[in-house]
């Protein structure tokens, strides 16, 4: 069975105006040490998905850039900025915007 549904369940929990890293999502989905799997799962989403894929960023506090995304890198930052997240020199402040879930909710 694919692990993607569990990843999507975790990403759906990330609140408006907050972000999580690929590694954080992987850990919460039970995929310890497999942040790339999260990236692959999010890449496969359709453009009209209800899953807030844009709230998942890299461990540096940046939008991960790739030529394969056809401009979605800029879209991701724009969507985050619309939620009130500010970037300074391409990075956001983890202390302010990182999602800190209540782990009892995820069990």
C-alpha atoms as a PDB file:
ATOM      1  CA  UNK A   1       0.000   0.000   0.000  1.00  0.00           C
ATOM      2  CA  UNK A   2       1.227   3.513  -0.801  1.00  0.00           C
ATOM      3  CA  UNK A   3       2.365   5.813   1.984  1.00  0.00           C
ATOM      4  CA  UNK A   4       1.075   8.842   0.084  1.00  0.00           C
ATOM      5  CA  UNK A   5      -2.374   8.917   1.778  1.00  0.00           C
ATOM      6  CA  UNK A   6      -0.706   9.192   5.210  1.00  0.00           C
ATOM      7  CA  UNK A   7       1.501  12.015   3.926  1.00  0.00           C
ATOM      8  CA  UNK A   8      -1.550  13.814   2.569  1.00  0.00           C
ATOM      9  CA  UNK A   9      -3.358  13.355   5.898  1.00  0.00           C
ATOM     10  CA  UNK A  10      -0.465  15.029   7.726  1.00  0.00           C
ATOM     11  CA  UNK A  11      -0.216  17.891   5.219  1.00  0.00           C
ATOM     12  CA  UNK A  12      -3.963  18.557   5.567  1.00  0.00           C
ATOM     13  CA  UNK A  13      -3.343  19.248   9.278  1.00  0.00           C
ATOM     14  CA  UNK A  14      -0.892  22.104   8.675  1.00  0.00           C
ATOM     15  CA  UNK A  15      -2.835  25.243   9.630  1.00  0.00           C
ATOM     16  CA  UNK A  16      -3.243  28.382   7.575  1.00  0.00           C
ATOM     17  CA  UNK A  17      -0.232  30.656   8.023  1.00  0.00           C
ATOM     18  CA  UNK A  18       2.079  27.863   9.193  1.00  0.00           C
ATOM     19  CA  UNK A  19       4.596  25.615   7.450  1.00  0.00           C
ATOM     20  CA  UNK A  20       6.222  22.246   8.003  1.00  0.00           C
ATOM     21  CA  UNK A  21       9.384  20.821   6.512  1.00  0.00           C
ATOM     22  CA  UNK A  22       9.503  17.763   4.292  1.00  0.00           C
ATOM     23  CA  UNK A  23      11.340  15.959   7.091  1.00  0.00           C
ATOM     24  CA  UNK A  24       8.779  16.968   9.687  1.00  0.00           C
ATOM     25  CA  UNK A  25       5.943  15.663   7.516  1.00  0.00           C
ATOM     26  CA  UNK A  26       7.859  12.442   6.863  1.00  0.00           C
ATOM     27  CA  UNK A  27       8.402  11.890  10.577  1.00  0.00           C
ATOM     28  CA  UNK A  28       4.745  12.556  11.413  1.00  0.00           C
ATOM     29  CA  UNK A  29       3.673  10.164   8.647  1.00  0.00           C
ATOM     30  CA  UNK A  30       5.872   7.419  10.109  1.00  0.00           C
ATOM     31  CA  UNK A  31       8.493   7.716   7.379  1.00  0.00           C
ATOM     32  CA  UNK A  32      11.448   8.649   9.568  1.00  0.00           C
ATOM     33  CA  UNK A  33      14.351   9.976   7.518  1.00  0.00           C
ATOM     34  CA  UNK A  34      12.479   9.946   4.206  1.00  0.00           C
ATOM     35  CA  UNK A  35      11.705  13.573   3.361  1.00  0.00           C
ATOM     36  CA  UNK A  36      12.157  12.929  -0.367  1.00  0.00           C
ATOM     37  CA  UNK A  37       9.164  10.602  -0.311  1.00  0.00           C
ATOM     38  CA  UNK A  38       7.105  13.572   0.894  1.00  0.00           C
ATOM     39  CA  UNK A  39       8.431  15.623  -2.006  1.00  0.00           C
ATOM     40  CA  UNK A  40       7.499  12.898  -4.478  1.00  0.00           C
ATOM     41  CA  UNK A  41       4.008  12.599  -2.989  1.00  0.00           C
ATOM     42  CA  UNK A  42       3.370  16.345  -3.179  1.00  0.00           C
ATOM     43  CA  UNK A  43       4.740  16.556  -6.717  1.00  0.00           C
ATOM     44  CA  UNK A  44       2.122  14.015  -7.829  1.00  0.00           C
ATOM     45  CA  UNK A  45      -0.826  16.091  -6.651  1.00  0.00           C
ATOM     46  CA  UNK A  46      -3.156  17.583  -9.233  1.00  0.00           C
ATOM     47  CA  UNK A  47      -3.264  21.385  -9.522  1.00  0.00           C
ATOM     48  CA  UNK A  48      -6.824  21.583  -8.146  1.00  0.00           C
ATOM     49  CA  UNK A  49      -6.141  19.569  -4.995  1.00  0.00           C
ATOM     50  CA  UNK A  50      -7.527  20.546  -1.600  1.00  0.00           C
ATOM     51  CA  UNK A  51      -4.258  19.449   0.049  1.00  0.00           C
ATOM     52  CA  UNK A  52      -2.222  22.522   1.108  1.00  0.00           C
ATOM     53  CA  UNK A  53       0.998  21.303  -0.511  1.00  0.00           C
ATOM     54  CA  UNK A  54       2.396  24.826  -0.523  1.00  0.00           C
ATOM     55  CA  UNK A  55       2.795  24.742   3.275  1.00  0.00           C
ATOM     56  CA  UNK A  56       5.645  22.219   3.039  1.00  0.00           C
ATOM     57  CA  UNK A  57       9.109  23.732   2.624  1.00  0.00           C
ATOM     58  CA  UNK A  58      12.708  22.628   2.967  1.00  0.00           C
ATOM     59  CA  UNK A  59      14.728  22.522   6.174  1.00  0.00           C
ATOM     60  CA  UNK A  60      16.463  25.799   5.292  1.00  0.00           C
ATOM     61  CA  UNK A  61      13.153  27.672   5.484  1.00  0.00           C
ATOM     62  CA  UNK A  62      12.981  28.078   1.735  1.00  0.00           C
ATOM     63  CA  UNK A  63      10.764  26.975  -1.110  1.00  0.00           C
ATOM     64  CA  UNK A  64      12.591  24.098  -2.816  1.00  0.00           C
ATOM     65  CA  UNK A  65      13.303  25.094  -6.396  1.00  0.00           C
ATOM     66  CA  UNK A  66      13.111  22.727  -9.372  1.00  0.00           C
ATOM     67  CA  UNK A  67      12.927  23.210 -13.117  1.00  0.00           C
ATOM     68  CA  UNK A  68      10.424  20.335 -13.217  1.00  0.00           C
ATOM     69  CA  UNK A  69       7.706  22.345 -11.472  1.00  0.00           C
ATOM     70  CA  UNK A  70       6.815  24.665 -14.360  1.00  0.00           C
ATOM     71  CA  UNK A  71       6.618  27.824 -12.241  1.00  0.00           C
ATOM     72  CA  UNK A  72       5.055  26.254  -9.150  1.00  0.00           C
ATOM     73  CA  UNK A  73       8.039  27.414  -7.092  1.00  0.00           C
ATOM     74  CA  UNK A  74       6.886  30.998  -7.501  1.00  0.00           C
ATOM     75  CA  UNK A  75       3.276  29.937  -6.939  1.00  0.00           C
ATOM     76  CA  UNK A  76       4.221  28.248  -3.677  1.00  0.00           C
ATOM     77  CA  UNK A  77       5.859  31.379  -2.292  1.00  0.00           C
ATOM     78  CA  UNK A  78       2.958  33.521  -3.496  1.00  0.00           C
ATOM     79  CA  UNK A  79       0.409  31.274  -1.762  1.00  0.00           C
ATOM     80  CA  UNK A  80       2.413  31.397   1.469  1.00  0.00           C
ATOM     81  CA  UNK A  81       2.698  35.176   1.257  1.00  0.00           C
ATOM     82  CA  UNK A  82      -1.084  35.378   0.804  1.00  0.00           C
ATOM     83  CA  UNK A  83      -1.352  33.554   4.135  1.00  0.00           C
ATOM     84  CA  UNK A  84       0.731  36.274   5.766  1.00  0.00           C
ATOM     85  CA  UNK A  85       4.077  34.502   5.698  1.00  0.00           C
ATOM     86  CA  UNK A  86       6.947  36.828   4.904  1.00  0.00           C
ATOM     87  CA  UNK A  87      10.210  35.902   3.243  1.00  0.00           C
ATOM     88  CA  UNK A  88      13.458  37.775   3.727  1.00  0.00           C
ATOM     89  CA  UNK A  89      16.036  36.976   1.060  1.00  0.00           C
ATOM     90  CA  UNK A  90      14.052  33.865   0.137  1.00  0.00           C
ATOM     91  CA  UNK A  91      13.765  32.491   3.684  1.00  0.00           C
ATOM     92  CA  UNK A  92      11.061  32.563   6.309  1.00  0.00           C
ATOM     93  CA  UNK A  93      11.423  32.692  10.079  1.00  0.00           C
ATOM     94  CA  UNK A  94      10.885  29.189  11.470  1.00  0.00           C
ATOM     95  CA  UNK A  95      10.414  30.549  14.980  1.00  0.00           C
ATOM     96  CA  UNK A  96       7.364  32.434  13.778  1.00  0.00           C
ATOM     97  CA  UNK A  97       5.870  30.192  11.090  1.00  0.00           C
ATOM     98  CA  UNK A  98       6.792  26.582  11.871  1.00  0.00           C
ATOM     99  CA  UNK A  99       3.868  24.348  12.716  1.00  0.00           C
ATOM    100  CA  UNK A 100       4.155  22.722  16.100  1.00  0.00           C
ATOM    101  CA  UNK A 101       1.447  20.068  16.164  1.00  0.00           C
ATOM    102  CA  UNK A 102      -0.258  18.685  19.193  1.00  0.00           C
ATOM    103  CA  UNK A 103       1.011  15.122  18.868  1.00  0.00           C
ATOM    104  CA  UNK A 104      -2.024  13.643  20.612  1.00  0.00           C
ATOM    105  CA  UNK A 105      -4.136  14.846  17.665  1.00  0.00           C
ATOM    106  CA  UNK A 106      -2.020  12.786  15.242  1.00  0.00           C
ATOM    107  CA  UNK A 107      -2.382   9.454  17.031  1.00  0.00           C
END
